[in-house]
């Protein structure tokens, strides 16, 4: 059956089971009908013999009595189309000249003791001191069996044909959803993975299969989209790196050529070496930022832990004040409100905050105050940096895009990679948060990110905070 279709195999199994049920049933009915016919014929003959036996119970087995008994028994045998027997103490008489078995003495004595009996298809009865008997006509029983078997075979054949037709139609109807799914699946390509297989209304195994296949298609679509996104990130990384590294590499090449030409002038060599070092740092910073950004956008798992934002910002403010003595750097919390703990990757969060601090320092004139702030916002927390200045209307909507650089009051801005705020946004999204940037009514600009509130469930399931695309 391996070459047959599923419908053919199922139909074959169903018809095989039906045939396996019909054959034993036919044999059982044949046996039961035969036994029933035998019993009915025997009962009829027994009734006729009982009438004769009652009439002859007190008759003597002399000449006239025996002749009368012969007449009655043999007449019954003739009318019934069978043969009869009379057993007396002296002789055994048969109704015809055929060869018939003679009842044994034990059977005869048993009938004389009990009044009736049977032996080898003979129905026997006591008639005075004689035993009379009529044979059950086996031809009638056999004919009845043949008629019943013929009728049963015809009915079974019709039932088999009807079952085959109905079964084929039902299987065609039942398997039509599978054919529809096969046709739809054959048309699926990498560009059409968003399509889904038709789900039948019936709550059966076919519906379960359709739902399972649709779930698999959803996973394939998600995996394919992730693969495409990864390829796009790789292409973007290569394009960004080649474009943005062109300037520092050109500067390094030109600086090295000049370094060969300046000869022994110490001042010129020092200036060139400082310039080369600055361009090398810029190139290294650019490559590092690109790698960090691509890891975050690729969904690299985070290593979350419970973080006290107030303590974190205080530590960063002290370090930033030491690194930028020309600025006043301090941490500020929401008045009268205790900061909420967050469940976050400390290293990633610190990197994002340092990018905000570097941007604020680069964009602010010396002597400015830079504030690291945090506050409750909705069900979570918001934190970021506030500094003097203003973001232009055309810059504000795209300030977190790659390689977007604002106006800087300091020369340090030239060393920036243009990826700092893009890393901040990727970090926020990886933690399930968002970014914010706004100009303050009283002057100044506020840039930061939001993080979801800490919950015991998030602590028990840190993978829920894995970076997302």
Protein backbone atom coordinates (compact mmCIF):
# COMPACT_ATOMS: atom_id res chain seq x y z
CA UNK A 1 0.00 0.00 0.00
CA UNK A 2 3.05 2.26 0.04
CA UNK A 3 2.27 3.48 -3.47
CA UNK A 4 -1.27 4.50 -2.59
CA UNK A 5 -2.39 7.91 -1.48
CA UNK A 6 -3.37 8.54 2.12
CA UNK A 7 -7.03 8.45 1.09
CA UNK A 8 -6.49 5.11 -0.67
CA UNK A 9 -4.72 3.61 2.33
CA UNK A 10 -7.38 4.79 4.76
CA UNK A 11 -10.16 3.50 2.50
CA UNK A 12 -8.35 0.17 2.16
CA UNK A 13 -8.02 -0.13 5.93
CA UNK A 14 -11.69 0.73 6.48
CA UNK A 15 -12.89 -1.75 3.84
CA UNK A 16 -10.54 -4.39 5.20
CA UNK A 17 -11.99 -3.92 8.67
CA UNK A 18 -15.51 -4.09 7.24
CA UNK A 19 -14.67 -7.30 5.37
CA UNK A 20 -13.09 -8.74 8.51
CA UNK A 21 -16.35 -8.05 10.33
CA UNK A 22 -18.69 -9.29 7.57
CA UNK A 23 -17.02 -12.68 7.05
CA UNK A 24 -17.21 -13.90 10.68
CA UNK A 25 -20.71 -12.48 10.91
CA UNK A 26 -21.75 -14.51 7.86
CA UNK A 27 -20.27 -17.68 9.30
CA UNK A 28 -21.97 -17.02 12.63
CA UNK A 29 -25.34 -16.40 10.96
CA UNK A 30 -24.95 -19.56 8.87
CA UNK A 31 -24.32 -21.64 11.97
CA UNK A 32 -27.14 -20.02 13.89
CA UNK A 33 -29.64 -20.37 11.02
CA UNK A 34 -28.65 -24.03 10.56
CA UNK A 35 -29.11 -24.76 14.22
CA UNK A 36 -32.38 -22.86 14.29
CA UNK A 37 -33.73 -24.74 11.25
CA UNK A 38 -32.60 -28.05 12.78
CA UNK A 39 -34.30 -27.22 16.05
CA UNK A 40 -37.52 -26.08 14.35
CA UNK A 41 -37.72 -29.22 12.20
CA UNK A 42 -36.96 -31.41 15.19
CA UNK A 43 -39.60 -29.63 17.26
CA UNK A 44 -42.21 -30.11 14.52
CA UNK A 45 -41.41 -33.81 14.17
CA UNK A 46 -41.42 -34.24 17.94
CA UNK A 47 -44.90 -32.74 18.09
CA UNK A 48 -46.18 -35.10 15.41
CA UNK A 49 -44.57 -38.10 17.10
CA UNK A 50 -46.10 -37.10 20.42
CA UNK A 51 -49.59 -37.23 18.90
CA UNK A 52 -48.98 -40.73 17.51
CA UNK A 53 -47.41 -41.85 20.77
CA UNK A 54 -50.44 -40.74 22.80
CA UNK A 55 -52.77 -42.64 20.45
CA UNK A 56 -50.67 -45.81 20.70
CA UNK A 57 -49.79 -45.62 24.38
CA UNK A 58 -52.23 -48.40 25.37
CA UNK A 59 -52.33 -50.32 22.11
CA UNK A 60 -50.86 -53.81 21.96
CA UNK A 61 -48.09 -54.57 19.52
CA UNK A 62 -50.11 -57.36 17.92
CA UNK A 63 -50.90 -57.58 14.25
CA UNK A 64 -53.55 -54.85 14.00
CA UNK A 65 -51.93 -52.55 16.54
CA UNK A 66 -48.55 -52.74 14.84
CA UNK A 67 -50.12 -52.19 11.43
CA UNK A 68 -51.93 -49.09 12.69
CA UNK A 69 -48.68 -47.77 14.22
CA UNK A 70 -46.85 -48.43 10.96
CA UNK A 71 -49.51 -46.64 9.02
CA UNK A 72 -49.42 -43.51 11.17
CA UNK A 73 -45.64 -43.27 11.47
CA UNK A 74 -44.87 -44.09 7.87
CA UNK A 75 -47.62 -41.72 6.66
CA UNK A 76 -46.00 -38.93 8.66
CA UNK A 77 -42.62 -39.79 7.17
CA UNK A 78 -44.02 -39.77 3.66
CA UNK A 79 -45.85 -36.44 4.13
CA UNK A 80 -42.74 -34.87 5.70
CA UNK A 81 -40.47 -36.11 2.91
CA UNK A 82 -38.28 -38.07 5.30
CA UNK A 83 -38.02 -41.59 6.64
CA UNK A 84 -39.31 -43.16 9.83
CA UNK A 85 -38.49 -46.07 12.08
CA UNK A 86 -40.36 -48.29 14.56
CA UNK A 87 -38.34 -50.25 17.09
CA UNK A 88 -40.14 -53.07 18.95
CA UNK A 89 -38.68 -55.68 21.26
CA UNK A 90 -38.72 -58.11 18.36
CA UNK A 91 -37.91 -56.08 15.27
CA UNK A 92 -36.98 -52.77 13.68
CA UNK A 93 -39.13 -51.45 10.83
CA UNK A 94 -38.19 -48.64 8.40
CA UNK A 95 -40.58 -46.61 6.25
CA UNK A 96 -38.64 -47.23 3.05
CA UNK A 97 -36.15 -49.60 1.59
CA UNK A 98 -33.22 -47.29 1.97
CA UNK A 99 -30.23 -47.99 4.15
CA UNK A 100 -30.68 -46.20 7.45
CA UNK A 101 -28.92 -46.45 10.79
CA UNK A 102 -30.69 -48.45 13.50
CA UNK A 103 -30.97 -46.69 16.85
CA UNK A 104 -28.74 -48.43 19.38
CA UNK A 105 -30.18 -50.22 22.34
CA UNK A 106 -28.99 -47.54 24.78
CA UNK A 107 -30.86 -44.80 22.89
CA UNK A 108 -33.99 -46.99 22.65
CA UNK A 109 -33.89 -47.80 26.34
CA UNK A 110 -33.41 -44.13 27.22
CA UNK A 111 -36.53 -43.21 25.21
CA UNK A 112 -38.52 -46.03 26.86
CA UNK A 113 -37.44 -44.64 30.24
CA UNK A 114 -37.97 -40.93 29.55
CA UNK A 115 -40.66 -40.91 26.88
CA UNK A 116 -38.75 -38.96 24.21
CA UNK A 117 -35.27 -38.30 22.88
CA UNK A 118 -33.11 -37.93 19.84
CA UNK A 119 -30.24 -39.73 18.24
CA UNK A 120 -28.19 -38.93 15.15
CA UNK A 121 -30.81 -36.63 13.62
CA UNK A 122 -33.70 -38.90 14.64
CA UNK A 123 -36.50 -37.57 16.80
CA UNK A 124 -37.65 -40.48 18.98
CA UNK A 125 -40.74 -41.02 21.11
CA UNK A 126 -42.18 -43.86 23.17
CA UNK A 127 -45.40 -45.46 21.84
CA UNK A 128 -46.36 -48.11 24.33
CA UNK A 129 -43.64 -50.73 24.31
CA UNK A 130 -42.29 -49.50 20.98
CA UNK A 131 -40.06 -46.57 20.04
CA UNK A 132 -41.03 -44.58 16.99
CA UNK A 133 -38.86 -42.04 15.17
CA UNK A 134 -38.72 -39.59 12.31
CA UNK A 135 -35.51 -38.29 10.75
CA UNK A 136 -34.97 -34.55 10.35
CA UNK A 137 -34.73 -33.78 6.67
CA UNK A 138 -31.22 -32.36 6.23
CA UNK A 139 -31.89 -31.26 2.65
CA UNK A 140 -34.32 -28.63 3.90
CA UNK A 141 -31.88 -27.42 6.52
CA UNK A 142 -29.10 -27.22 3.93
CA UNK A 143 -31.37 -25.45 1.44
CA UNK A 144 -32.33 -22.90 4.08
CA UNK A 145 -28.69 -22.34 4.89
CA UNK A 146 -27.88 -21.79 1.21
CA UNK A 147 -30.75 -19.34 0.83
CA UNK A 148 -29.67 -17.42 3.92
CA UNK A 149 -26.04 -17.36 2.80
CA UNK A 150 -27.02 -16.19 -0.68
CA UNK A 151 -29.16 -13.41 0.75
CA UNK A 152 -26.47 -12.45 3.24
CA UNK A 153 -23.76 -12.45 0.57
CA UNK A 154 -25.85 -10.18 -1.63
CA UNK A 155 -26.57 -7.83 1.28
CA UNK A 156 -22.93 -7.87 2.39
CA UNK A 157 -21.76 -7.09 -1.15
CA UNK A 158 -24.18 -4.18 -1.40
CA UNK A 159 -23.11 -2.97 2.04
CA UNK A 160 -19.45 -3.27 1.01
CA UNK A 161 -20.01 -1.26 -2.19
CA UNK A 162 -22.09 1.32 -0.34
CA UNK A 163 -19.49 1.60 2.41
CA UNK A 164 -16.74 2.01 -0.19
CA UNK A 165 -18.63 4.83 -1.92
CA UNK A 166 -19.61 6.62 1.28
CA UNK A 167 -16.16 6.08 2.78
CA UNK A 168 -14.43 7.49 -0.30
CA UNK A 169 -16.72 10.53 -0.30
CA UNK A 170 -16.24 11.14 3.43
CA UNK A 171 -12.48 10.72 3.16
CA UNK A 172 -12.39 13.10 0.21
CA UNK A 173 -14.37 15.61 2.24
CA UNK A 174 -12.36 15.03 5.41
CA UNK A 175 -9.00 15.27 3.66
CA UNK A 176 -9.91 18.29 1.53
CA UNK A 177 -8.37 20.65 4.16
CA UNK A 178 -5.11 18.70 3.84
CA UNK A 179 -5.19 19.12 0.05
CA UNK A 180 -5.90 22.82 0.49
CA UNK A 181 -2.95 23.11 2.90
CA UNK A 182 -0.73 21.21 0.45
CA UNK A 183 -1.68 23.56 -2.40
CA UNK A 184 -1.07 26.62 -0.25
CA UNK A 185 2.24 25.22 1.04
CA UNK A 186 3.43 24.51 -2.50
CA UNK A 187 3.01 28.20 -3.32
CA UNK A 188 4.91 29.50 -0.30
CA UNK A 189 8.25 31.17 -0.94
CA UNK A 190 10.66 33.18 1.14
CA UNK A 191 8.79 36.29 0.05
CA UNK A 192 5.39 34.95 1.12
CA UNK A 193 6.12 33.51 4.55
CA UNK A 194 3.57 35.91 6.01
CA UNK A 195 0.79 33.84 4.42
CA UNK A 196 -0.89 31.18 6.55
CA UNK A 197 -2.48 27.84 5.80
CA UNK A 198 -6.29 27.63 5.89
CA UNK A 199 -7.57 26.38 9.26
CA UNK A 200 -10.72 24.20 9.10
CA UNK A 201 -13.60 24.97 11.44
CA UNK A 202 -13.87 21.40 12.75
CA UNK A 203 -12.03 20.89 16.02
CA UNK A 204 -10.12 17.80 14.95
CA UNK A 205 -6.62 16.58 14.20
CA UNK A 206 -6.57 18.41 10.85
CA UNK A 207 -7.26 21.71 12.61
CA UNK A 208 -4.49 20.92 15.11
CA UNK A 209 -2.11 20.18 12.23
CA UNK A 210 -3.04 23.44 10.48
CA UNK A 211 -2.51 25.45 13.67
CA UNK A 212 0.82 23.71 14.30
CA UNK A 213 2.02 24.37 10.74
CA UNK A 214 0.93 28.00 10.97
CA UNK A 215 2.87 28.35 14.21
CA UNK A 216 5.89 26.83 12.46
CA UNK A 217 5.45 29.27 9.56
CA UNK A 218 5.33 32.13 12.06
CA UNK A 219 8.61 30.94 13.58
CA UNK A 220 10.14 30.56 10.12
CA UNK A 221 8.96 34.04 9.17
CA UNK A 222 10.42 35.45 12.38
CA UNK A 223 13.71 33.60 11.83
CA UNK A 224 13.85 34.75 8.21
CA UNK A 225 13.14 38.34 9.22
CA UNK A 226 15.84 38.12 11.87
CA UNK A 227 18.24 36.73 9.29
CA UNK A 228 17.38 39.54 6.88
CA UNK A 229 17.75 42.07 9.69
CA UNK A 230 21.13 40.57 10.61
CA UNK A 231 22.26 40.73 6.99
CA UNK A 232 21.03 44.30 6.75
CA UNK A 233 22.89 45.19 9.95
CA UNK A 234 26.02 43.61 8.54
CA UNK A 235 25.68 45.58 5.31
CA UNK A 236 24.93 48.74 7.28
CA UNK A 237 27.92 48.10 9.55
CA UNK A 238 30.22 47.67 6.56
CA UNK A 239 28.79 50.74 4.83
CA UNK A 240 28.98 52.88 7.96
CA UNK A 241 32.47 51.70 8.81
CA UNK A 242 33.79 52.27 5.30
CA UNK A 243 32.17 55.70 5.09
CA UNK A 244 33.00 56.99 8.55
CA UNK A 245 36.51 55.55 8.72
CA UNK A 246 37.45 57.22 5.47
CA UNK A 247 38.12 60.58 7.15
CA UNK A 248 40.30 59.35 10.06
CA UNK A 249 42.20 56.96 7.78
CA UNK A 250 42.80 59.78 5.28
CA UNK A 251 43.96 62.02 8.13
CA UNK A 252 46.27 59.30 9.45
CA UNK A 253 47.72 58.71 6.00
CA UNK A 254 48.27 62.42 5.41
CA UNK A 255 49.74 62.89 8.87
CA UNK A 256 52.20 60.05 8.34
CA UNK A 257 53.31 61.57 5.04
CA UNK A 258 53.81 64.95 6.71
CA UNK A 259 55.66 63.28 9.57
CA UNK A 260 58.19 61.99 7.06
CA UNK A 261 58.67 65.50 5.62
CA UNK A 262 59.03 67.60 8.77
CA UNK A 263 62.45 66.27 9.44
CA UNK A 264 63.85 66.96 12.91
CA UNK A 265 61.52 69.83 13.92
CA UNK A 266 60.38 68.69 17.41
CA UNK A 267 57.42 71.06 17.62
CA UNK A 268 56.04 69.99 14.25
CA UNK A 269 56.52 66.32 15.04
CA UNK A 270 54.74 66.76 18.37
CA UNK A 271 51.77 68.48 16.71
CA UNK A 272 51.56 65.76 14.07
CA UNK A 273 51.81 62.96 16.62
CA UNK A 274 49.01 64.53 18.68
CA UNK A 275 46.87 64.80 15.56
CA UNK A 276 47.62 61.20 14.61
CA UNK A 277 46.79 60.02 18.12
CA UNK A 278 43.51 61.95 18.02
CA UNK A 279 42.52 60.42 14.66
CA UNK A 280 43.48 56.93 15.87
CA UNK A 281 41.30 57.39 18.97
CA UNK A 282 38.49 58.61 16.77
CA UNK A 283 38.77 55.56 14.48
CA UNK A 284 38.95 53.19 17.46
CA UNK A 285 36.00 54.88 19.12
CA UNK A 286 34.00 54.66 15.89
CA UNK A 287 34.67 50.93 15.45
CA UNK A 288 33.89 50.23 19.11
CA UNK A 289 30.63 52.18 18.98
CA UNK A 290 29.59 50.45 15.77
CA UNK A 291 30.23 47.04 17.31
CA UNK A 292 28.32 47.95 20.49
CA UNK A 293 25.39 49.27 18.48
CA UNK A 294 25.23 46.21 16.26
CA UNK A 295 25.40 43.83 19.24
CA UNK A 296 22.49 45.62 20.89
CA UNK A 297 20.41 45.69 17.72
CA UNK A 298 21.21 42.01 17.03
CA UNK A 299 19.59 41.02 20.32
CA UNK A 300 22.68 40.09 22.31
CA UNK A 301 21.46 38.82 25.73
CA UNK A 302 21.78 41.24 28.62
CA UNK A 303 23.13 40.46 32.08
CA UNK A 304 20.54 42.17 34.28
CA UNK A 305 20.83 42.91 37.96
CA UNK A 306 19.01 45.06 40.49
CA UNK A 307 20.36 48.63 40.29
CA UNK A 308 19.83 51.59 42.62
CA UNK A 309 19.63 54.55 40.22
CA UNK A 310 20.46 57.19 42.82
CA UNK A 311 23.68 55.42 43.81
CA UNK A 312 24.59 54.82 40.16
CA UNK A 313 24.11 58.46 39.14
CA UNK A 314 26.00 59.76 42.19
CA UNK A 315 29.02 57.60 41.30
CA UNK A 316 28.92 58.68 37.65
CA UNK A 317 28.59 62.36 38.64
CA UNK A 318 31.69 62.18 40.85
CA UNK A 319 33.70 60.47 38.12
CA UNK A 320 32.51 62.91 35.44
CA UNK A 321 33.39 65.88 37.66
CA UNK A 322 36.95 64.56 37.95
CA UNK A 323 37.23 64.00 34.18
CA UNK A 324 35.69 67.36 33.22
CA UNK A 325 36.86 69.84 35.87
CA UNK A 326 35.76 72.76 33.66
CA UNK A 327 32.14 71.72 34.30
CA UNK A 328 29.94 71.42 37.36
CA UNK A 329 28.52 67.91 37.39
CA UNK A 330 26.01 66.71 39.97
CA UNK A 331 23.29 64.08 40.44
CA UNK A 332 19.69 65.02 41.16
CA UNK A 333 16.72 62.89 42.23
CA UNK A 334 13.00 63.63 42.32
CA UNK A 335 12.21 65.74 45.38
CA UNK A 336 10.58 63.76 48.18
CA UNK A 337 10.42 60.56 46.14
CA UNK A 338 12.71 57.60 46.64
CA UNK A 339 14.20 56.35 43.39
CA UNK A 340 12.80 53.06 42.14
CA UNK A 341 15.20 50.16 41.60
CA UNK A 342 15.49 48.87 38.04
CA UNK A 343 16.41 45.47 36.63
CA UNK A 344 19.05 46.24 34.00
CA UNK A 345 22.45 45.39 32.59
CA UNK A 346 24.78 47.64 34.60
CA UNK A 347 27.54 47.78 31.99
CA UNK A 348 25.15 48.66 29.15
CA UNK A 349 23.32 51.24 31.26
CA UNK A 350 26.58 52.90 32.33
CA UNK A 351 27.77 53.00 28.69
CA UNK A 352 24.53 54.72 27.67
CA UNK A 353 24.85 57.28 30.48
CA UNK A 354 28.49 57.99 29.63
CA UNK A 355 27.45 58.68 26.03
CA UNK A 356 24.90 61.19 27.35
CA UNK A 357 27.51 62.77 29.63
CA UNK A 358 30.10 63.07 26.84
CA UNK A 359 27.54 64.68 24.53
CA UNK A 360 26.51 67.12 27.25
CA UNK A 361 30.13 68.06 28.02
CA UNK A 362 30.93 68.50 24.33
CA UNK A 363 27.83 70.65 23.71
CA UNK A 364 28.18 72.92 26.78
CA UNK A 365 30.49 75.89 27.28
CA UNK A 366 33.04 75.75 30.12
CA UNK A 367 31.56 76.49 33.53
CA UNK A 368 28.19 75.01 32.65
CA UNK A 369 26.23 72.84 35.06
CA UNK A 370 25.49 69.30 33.92
CA UNK A 371 22.84 67.43 35.91
CA UNK A 372 22.40 63.66 36.01
CA UNK A 373 18.74 63.21 36.94
CA UNK A 374 16.29 60.39 37.62
CA UNK A 375 12.59 60.36 38.42
CA UNK A 376 9.54 58.13 38.48
CA UNK A 377 7.73 58.11 35.15
CA UNK A 378 4.55 56.05 34.82
CA UNK A 379 5.17 52.54 36.10
CA UNK A 380 8.91 52.80 35.53
CA UNK A 381 11.82 55.17 35.88
CA UNK A 382 13.38 57.83 33.68
CA UNK A 383 16.99 58.98 33.87
CA UNK A 384 19.29 61.10 31.79
CA UNK A 385 21.37 64.28 31.52
CA UNK A 386 20.36 67.95 31.51
CA UNK A 387 22.68 70.67 30.21
CA UNK A 388 22.52 74.22 28.81
CA UNK A 389 21.75 74.63 25.14
CA UNK A 390 18.96 73.83 22.75
CA UNK A 391 18.22 71.24 20.08
CA UNK A 392 17.06 72.68 16.77
CA UNK A 393 13.59 71.84 15.51
CA UNK A 394 15.05 69.93 12.57
CA UNK A 395 17.45 67.99 14.82
CA UNK A 396 15.06 67.04 17.65
CA UNK A 397 13.10 64.28 15.79
CA UNK A 398 16.26 62.52 14.61
CA UNK A 399 18.70 63.19 17.40
CA UNK A 400 18.92 59.44 18.21
CA UNK A 401 19.68 58.40 14.61
CA UNK A 402 23.10 57.15 13.54
CA UNK A 403 25.76 59.71 12.69
CA UNK A 404 23.59 62.70 13.60
CA UNK A 405 25.78 65.40 15.11
CA UNK A 406 24.54 68.63 16.61
CA UNK A 407 26.33 71.95 16.89
CA UNK A 408 29.03 71.88 19.51
CA UNK A 409 30.58 74.73 21.36
CA UNK A 410 33.75 72.82 21.98
CA UNK A 411 36.37 71.29 19.73
CA UNK A 412 35.89 67.93 21.42
CA UNK A 413 32.82 67.27 19.31
CA UNK A 414 35.01 66.48 16.32
CA UNK A 415 36.20 63.35 18.11
CA UNK A 416 32.67 61.99 18.49
CA UNK A 417 31.54 59.03 16.42
CA UNK A 418 27.96 60.24 15.95
CA UNK A 419 26.74 56.95 17.43
CA UNK A 420 26.44 57.83 21.12
CA UNK A 421 22.73 58.64 21.16
CA UNK A 422 21.97 55.74 18.80
CA UNK A 423 23.58 53.46 21.40
CA UNK A 424 21.42 55.09 24.10
CA UNK A 425 18.28 54.30 22.11
CA UNK A 426 19.37 50.71 21.41
CA UNK A 427 20.10 50.23 25.13
CA UNK A 428 16.68 51.58 26.13
CA UNK A 429 14.85 49.38 23.62
CA UNK A 430 16.85 46.34 24.70
CA UNK A 431 15.58 46.85 28.26
CA UNK A 432 11.98 47.35 27.16
CA UNK A 433 12.12 51.12 27.56
CA UNK A 434 12.34 54.16 25.30
CA UNK A 435 14.26 57.42 24.83
CA UNK A 436 13.33 61.05 25.35
CA UNK A 437 14.77 64.37 24.21
CA UNK A 438 13.23 67.81 24.77
CA UNK A 439 14.05 71.45 25.14
CA UNK A 440 13.12 72.81 28.58
CA UNK A 441 10.84 75.87 28.84
CA UNK A 442 13.31 77.77 31.01
CA UNK A 443 16.28 76.93 28.82
CA UNK A 444 18.43 73.87 28.52
CA UNK A 445 17.97 70.46 26.97
CA UNK A 446 17.10 67.14 28.60
CA UNK A 447 18.08 63.84 26.99
CA UNK A 448 17.57 60.42 28.57
CA UNK A 449 15.88 57.05 28.55
CA UNK A 450 13.07 55.25 30.36
CA UNK A 451 13.21 51.80 31.95
CA UNK A 452 10.36 49.53 33.08
CA UNK A 453 9.68 49.09 36.77
CA UNK A 454 11.36 46.25 38.64
CA UNK A 455 9.17 43.26 39.55
CA UNK A 456 9.96 39.87 41.15
CA UNK A 457 8.91 38.21 37.88
CA UNK A 458 11.47 40.18 35.90
CA UNK A 459 14.13 39.12 38.39
CA UNK A 460 13.20 35.45 38.04
CA UNK A 461 13.08 35.68 34.25
CA UNK A 462 16.07 37.79 33.22
CA UNK A 463 15.88 36.41 29.68
CA UNK A 464 12.75 38.50 29.23
CA UNK A 465 15.09 41.52 29.17
CA UNK A 466 17.29 40.15 26.40
CA UNK A 467 18.09 42.71 23.76
CA UNK A 468 15.51 42.99 21.02
CA UNK A 469 15.69 44.08 17.39
